[in-house]
Amino acid sequence: MQETQTRETQTTRTGAVKAATGTAGMVRNLASAFRTFSLYPEDHALSIKSVGQISSELRRYTETYDSLVLTVEKDGVYSGGQNVVKTTGDDDPFHGPMKRDGIIGLEFSRGIEAREIVIFFQILKKNKNVTEEADSDTVTDLWEADLPHIHFQASEFM
């Protein structure tokens, strides 16, 4: 699959969401939408808008390619062997909770709905900071949520 250029569709002030024209753009937009979601309350206009946009993009993407498969590594998130979300440490709100809690793979499949994305984002947001009273983790929360169009794979060894 050949990657094409992405174009600016919003101002920098609102998070600079770009139109996804390939897998790398899609994953970057997913991470960007989560970062916006994690900064504001769920009912804030920017949170609602970011979820709506990424839901539409993921639906279009999965209608074309059936699924979006991601691999979580220590230095970022990969798709098709390409590092599409590069990170330098555990402080990235999108990558950090997945890496720390042992998520090694994610798949967003055809039929995904906005509500599933909201639940996924809520789980990441809840687990983005380590606390001493942590009553759950990303793996447990995803397992309990049992999202029909978001599948994950967790490491057996931490």
C-alpha atoms as a PDB file:
ATOM      1  CA  MET A   1       0.000   0.000   0.000  1.00  0.00           C
ATOM      2  CA  GLN A   2       1.446   3.345  -0.982  1.00  0.00           C
ATOM      3  CA  GLU A   3       1.152   6.136   1.589  1.00  0.00           C
ATOM      4  CA  THR A   4      -0.115   9.447   0.283  1.00  0.00           C
ATOM      5  CA  GLN A   5       0.208  12.918   1.720  1.00  0.00           C
ATOM      6  CA  THR A   6      -2.169  14.031   4.458  1.00  0.00           C
ATOM      7  CA  ARG A   7      -3.771  17.446   4.511  1.00  0.00           C
ATOM      8  CA  GLU A   8      -4.664  19.813   7.304  1.00  0.00           C
ATOM      9  CA  THR A   9      -8.401  19.886   8.094  1.00  0.00           C
ATOM     10  CA  GLN A  10      -8.429  21.802  11.362  1.00  0.00           C
ATOM     11  CA  THR A  11      -6.466  24.570  12.979  1.00  0.00           C
ATOM     12  CA  THR A  12      -3.482  23.895  15.211  1.00  0.00           C
ATOM     13  CA  ARG A  13      -5.462  25.328  18.134  1.00  0.00           C
ATOM     14  CA  THR A  14      -7.912  22.410  18.037  1.00  0.00           C
ATOM     15  CA  GLY A  15      -5.355  19.630  17.774  1.00  0.00           C
ATOM     16  CA  ALA A  16      -4.413  19.623  14.088  1.00  0.00           C
ATOM     17  CA  VAL A  17      -6.402  16.585  13.016  1.00  0.00           C
ATOM     18  CA  LYS A  18      -5.348  15.486   9.562  1.00  0.00           C
ATOM     19  CA  ALA A  19      -7.395  13.613   7.006  1.00  0.00           C
ATOM     20  CA  ALA A  20      -6.196  10.023   6.948  1.00  0.00           C
ATOM     21  CA  THR A  21      -5.273   8.911   3.466  1.00  0.00           C
ATOM     22  CA  GLY A  22      -3.350   5.811   4.491  1.00  0.00           C
ATOM     23  CA  THR A  23      -2.680   3.506   7.389  1.00  0.00           C
ATOM     24  CA  ALA A  24      -0.016   5.701   9.010  1.00  0.00           C
ATOM     25  CA  GLY A  25      -2.328   8.717   8.854  1.00  0.00           C
ATOM     26  CA  MET A  26      -5.185   6.677  10.287  1.00  0.00           C
ATOM     27  CA  VAL A  27      -3.122   5.559  13.284  1.00  0.00           C
ATOM     28  CA  ARG A  28      -1.737   9.048  13.898  1.00  0.00           C
ATOM     29  CA  ASN A  29      -5.289  10.407  13.832  1.00  0.00           C
ATOM     30  CA  LEU A  30      -6.421   7.733  16.281  1.00  0.00           C
ATOM     31  CA  ALA A  31      -3.627   8.730  18.691  1.00  0.00           C
ATOM     32  CA  SER A  32      -4.395  12.429  18.173  1.00  0.00           C
ATOM     33  CA  ALA A  33      -8.112  11.891  18.812  1.00  0.00           C
ATOM     34  CA  PHE A  34      -7.296  10.086  22.039  1.00  0.00           C
ATOM     35  CA  ARG A  35      -4.937  12.839  23.167  1.00  0.00           C
ATOM     36  CA  THR A  36      -7.734  15.378  22.651  1.00  0.00           C
ATOM     37  CA  PHE A  37     -10.209  13.096  24.447  1.00  0.00           C
ATOM     38  CA  SER A  38      -7.806  12.696  27.378  1.00  0.00           C
ATOM     39  CA  LEU A  39      -7.343  16.460  27.809  1.00  0.00           C
ATOM     40  CA  TYR A  40     -10.999  17.446  28.027  1.00  0.00           C
ATOM     41  CA  PRO A  41     -14.161  16.146  29.700  1.00  0.00           C
ATOM     42  CA  GLU A  42     -16.082  13.613  27.604  1.00  0.00           C
ATOM     43  CA  ASP A  43     -18.936  16.038  27.008  1.00  0.00           C
ATOM     44  CA  HIS A  44     -16.636  18.847  25.830  1.00  0.00           C
ATOM     45  CA  ALA A  45     -17.122  19.898  22.196  1.00  0.00           C
ATOM     46  CA  LEU A  46     -13.533  18.985  21.242  1.00  0.00           C
ATOM     47  CA  SER A  47     -13.836  15.494  22.760  1.00  0.00           C
ATOM     48  CA  ILE A  48     -17.136  14.880  20.988  1.00  0.00           C
ATOM     49  CA  LYS A  49     -15.776  16.184  17.701  1.00  0.00           C
ATOM     50  CA  SER A  50     -12.570  14.103  17.887  1.00  0.00           C
ATOM     51  CA  VAL A  51     -14.523  10.902  18.618  1.00  0.00           C
ATOM     52  CA  GLY A  52     -16.951  11.647  15.794  1.00  0.00           C
ATOM     53  CA  GLN A  53     -14.167  12.264  13.300  1.00  0.00           C
ATOM     54  CA  ILE A  54     -12.105   9.219  14.238  1.00  0.00           C
ATOM     55  CA  SER A  55     -15.242   7.032  14.250  1.00  0.00           C
ATOM     56  CA  SER A  56     -16.029   8.078  10.684  1.00  0.00           C
ATOM     57  CA  GLU A  57     -12.437   7.551   9.574  1.00  0.00           C
ATOM     58  CA  LEU A  58     -12.183   4.118  11.220  1.00  0.00           C
ATOM     59  CA  ARG A  59     -15.494   3.028   9.685  1.00  0.00           C
ATOM     60  CA  ARG A  60     -14.341   4.105   6.210  1.00  0.00           C
ATOM     61  CA  TYR A  61     -10.946   2.471   6.713  1.00  0.00           C
ATOM     62  CA  THR A  62     -12.357  -0.846   7.935  1.00  0.00           C
ATOM     63  CA  GLU A  63     -14.971  -0.928   5.173  1.00  0.00           C
ATOM     64  CA  THR A  64     -12.099  -0.757   2.699  1.00  0.00           C
ATOM     65  CA  TYR A  65      -9.459  -2.922   4.424  1.00  0.00           C
ATOM     66  CA  ASP A  66     -11.593  -5.032   6.846  1.00  0.00           C
ATOM     67  CA  SER A  67      -9.430  -4.133   9.860  1.00  0.00           C
ATOM     68  CA  LEU A  68      -6.710  -1.906  11.244  1.00  0.00           C
ATOM     69  CA  VAL A  69      -4.046  -4.003  12.976  1.00  0.00           C
ATOM     70  CA  LEU A  70      -1.564  -2.385  15.352  1.00  0.00           C
ATOM     71  CA  THR A  71       1.464  -3.740  17.169  1.00  0.00           C
ATOM     72  CA  VAL A  72       2.556  -2.058  20.398  1.00  0.00           C
ATOM     73  CA  GLU A  73       6.329  -2.017  20.892  1.00  0.00           C
ATOM     74  CA  LYS A  74       8.497  -0.255  23.463  1.00  0.00           C
ATOM     75  CA  ASP A  75       9.288   2.626  21.093  1.00  0.00           C
ATOM     76  CA  GLY A  76       5.839   3.191  19.628  1.00  0.00           C
ATOM     77  CA  VAL A  77       2.899   1.783  17.734  1.00  0.00           C
ATOM     78  CA  TYR A  78       3.477  -0.088  14.480  1.00  0.00           C
ATOM     79  CA  SER A  79       1.267  -1.048  11.585  1.00  0.00           C
ATOM     80  CA  GLY A  80       2.535  -3.265   8.796  1.00  0.00           C
ATOM     81  CA  GLY A  81       6.039  -3.123  10.268  1.00  0.00           C
ATOM     82  CA  GLN A  82       6.132   0.695  10.073  1.00  0.00           C
ATOM     83  CA  ASN A  83       6.494   2.769  13.252  1.00  0.00           C
ATOM     84  CA  VAL A  84       3.534   5.128  12.917  1.00  0.00           C
ATOM     85  CA  VAL A  85       3.397   6.545  16.476  1.00  0.00           C
ATOM     86  CA  LYS A  86       6.920   7.121  17.796  1.00  0.00           C
ATOM     87  CA  THR A  87       7.364   7.707  21.509  1.00  0.00           C
ATOM     88  CA  THR A  88      10.265   8.313  23.861  1.00  0.00           C
ATOM     89  CA  GLY A  89       9.156   7.126  27.258  1.00  0.00           C
ATOM     90  CA  ASP A  90       6.102   6.069  29.185  1.00  0.00           C
ATOM     91  CA  ASP A  91       4.453   9.488  29.329  1.00  0.00           C
ATOM     92  CA  ASP A  92       2.641   9.266  25.989  1.00  0.00           C
ATOM     93  CA  PRO A  93      -1.067   9.035  26.901  1.00  0.00           C
ATOM     94  CA  PHE A  94      -1.943   6.783  23.932  1.00  0.00           C
ATOM     95  CA  HIS A  95       1.036   4.423  23.901  1.00  0.00           C
ATOM     96  CA  GLY A  96       1.960   4.445  27.610  1.00  0.00           C
ATOM     97  CA  PRO A  97      -0.967   2.563  29.181  1.00  0.00           C
ATOM     98  CA  MET A  98      -0.931  -0.117  26.491  1.00  0.00           C
ATOM     99  CA  LYS A  99       2.821  -0.710  26.697  1.00  0.00           C
ATOM    100  CA  ARG A 100       2.968  -0.592  30.496  1.00  0.00           C
ATOM    101  CA  ASP A 101       0.047  -3.007  30.950  1.00  0.00           C
ATOM    102  CA  GLY A 102       1.226  -5.556  28.378  1.00  0.00           C
ATOM    103  CA  ILE A 103      -0.908  -4.866  25.302  1.00  0.00           C
ATOM    104  CA  ILE A 104       1.115  -6.081  22.329  1.00  0.00           C
ATOM    105  CA  GLY A 105      -1.536  -5.991  19.620  1.00  0.00           C
ATOM    106  CA  LEU A 106      -4.790  -4.227  18.753  1.00  0.00           C
ATOM    107  CA  GLU A 107      -7.250  -4.757  15.941  1.00  0.00           C
ATOM    108  CA  PHE A 108     -10.120  -2.489  14.974  1.00  0.00           C
ATOM    109  CA  SER A 109     -12.473  -4.450  12.736  1.00  0.00           C
ATOM    110  CA  ARG A 110     -15.290  -3.716  10.299  1.00  0.00           C
ATOM    111  CA  GLY A 111     -18.492  -2.540  11.957  1.00  0.00           C
ATOM    112  CA  ILE A 112     -16.824  -0.481  14.684  1.00  0.00           C
ATOM    113  CA  GLU A 113     -19.103   2.058  16.331  1.00  0.00           C
ATOM    114  CA  ALA A 114     -18.426   5.380  18.031  1.00  0.00           C
ATOM    115  CA  ARG A 115     -19.537   3.983  21.402  1.00  0.00           C
ATOM    116  CA  GLU A 116     -16.793   1.337  21.244  1.00  0.00           C
ATOM    117  CA  ILE A 117     -14.200   4.001  20.548  1.00  0.00           C
ATOM    118  CA  VAL A 118     -15.462   6.053  23.494  1.00  0.00           C
ATOM    119  CA  ILE A 119     -15.171   3.023  25.795  1.00  0.00           C
ATOM    120  CA  PHE A 120     -11.675   2.262  24.458  1.00  0.00           C
ATOM    121  CA  PHE A 121     -10.648   5.884  25.031  1.00  0.00           C
ATOM    122  CA  GLN A 122     -12.192   5.853  28.538  1.00  0.00           C
ATOM    123  CA  ILE A 123     -10.123   2.781  29.399  1.00  0.00           C
ATOM    124  CA  LEU A 124      -6.889   4.348  28.159  1.00  0.00           C
ATOM    125  CA  LYS A 125      -7.690   7.620  29.934  1.00  0.00           C
ATOM    126  CA  LYS A 126      -8.448   5.805  33.199  1.00  0.00           C
ATOM    127  CA  ASN A 127      -5.163   3.901  33.035  1.00  0.00           C
ATOM    128  CA  LYS A 128      -2.853   6.571  31.603  1.00  0.00           C
ATOM    129  CA  ASN A 129      -1.448   7.442  35.037  1.00  0.00           C
ATOM    130  CA  VAL A 130      -0.038   4.885  37.447  1.00  0.00           C
ATOM    131  CA  THR A 131      -1.546   5.120  40.913  1.00  0.00           C
ATOM    132  CA  GLU A 132      -0.814   3.146  44.057  1.00  0.00           C
ATOM    133  CA  GLU A 133      -4.493   2.232  44.449  1.00  0.00           C
ATOM    134  CA  ALA A 134      -4.878   0.914  40.912  1.00  0.00           C
ATOM    135  CA  ASP A 135      -7.854  -1.426  40.988  1.00  0.00           C
ATOM    136  CA  SER A 136      -7.455  -2.543  37.383  1.00  0.00           C
ATOM    137  CA  ASP A 137      -5.299  -2.196  34.318  1.00  0.00           C
ATOM    138  CA  THR A 138      -5.746  -1.728  30.590  1.00  0.00           C
ATOM    139  CA  VAL A 139      -5.822  -5.468  29.837  1.00  0.00           C
ATOM    140  CA  THR A 140      -8.415  -6.230  32.513  1.00  0.00           C
ATOM    141  CA  ASP A 141     -10.583  -3.283  31.529  1.00  0.00           C
ATOM    142  CA  LEU A 142     -10.513  -4.200  27.822  1.00  0.00           C
ATOM    143  CA  TRP A 143     -11.305  -7.821  28.655  1.00  0.00           C
ATOM    144  CA  GLU A 144     -14.245  -6.790  30.845  1.00  0.00           C
ATOM    145  CA  ALA A 145     -15.530  -4.319  28.234  1.00  0.00           C
ATOM    146  CA  ASP A 146     -15.638  -7.125  25.637  1.00  0.00           C
ATOM    147  CA  LEU A 147     -15.808  -4.700  22.705  1.00  0.00           C
ATOM    148  CA  PRO A 148     -17.076  -6.573  19.624  1.00  0.00           C
ATOM    149  CA  HIS A 149     -14.963  -4.672  17.070  1.00  0.00           C
ATOM    150  CA  ILE A 150     -11.826  -3.913  19.108  1.00  0.00           C
ATOM    151  CA  HIS A 151      -9.672  -6.944  19.814  1.00  0.00           C
ATOM    152  CA  PHE A 152      -6.428  -7.003  21.743  1.00  0.00           C
ATOM    153  CA  GLN A 153      -3.545  -9.307  22.469  1.00  0.00           C
ATOM    154  CA  ALA A 154      -1.686  -9.135  25.769  1.00  0.00           C
ATOM    155  CA  SER A 155       1.791 -10.329  26.607  1.00  0.00           C
ATOM    156  CA  GLU A 156       2.006 -13.448  28.711  1.00  0.00           C
ATOM    157  CA  PHE A 157       5.140 -12.111  30.393  1.00  0.00           C
ATOM    158  CA  MET A 158       5.572  -8.688  31.934  1.00  0.00           C
END
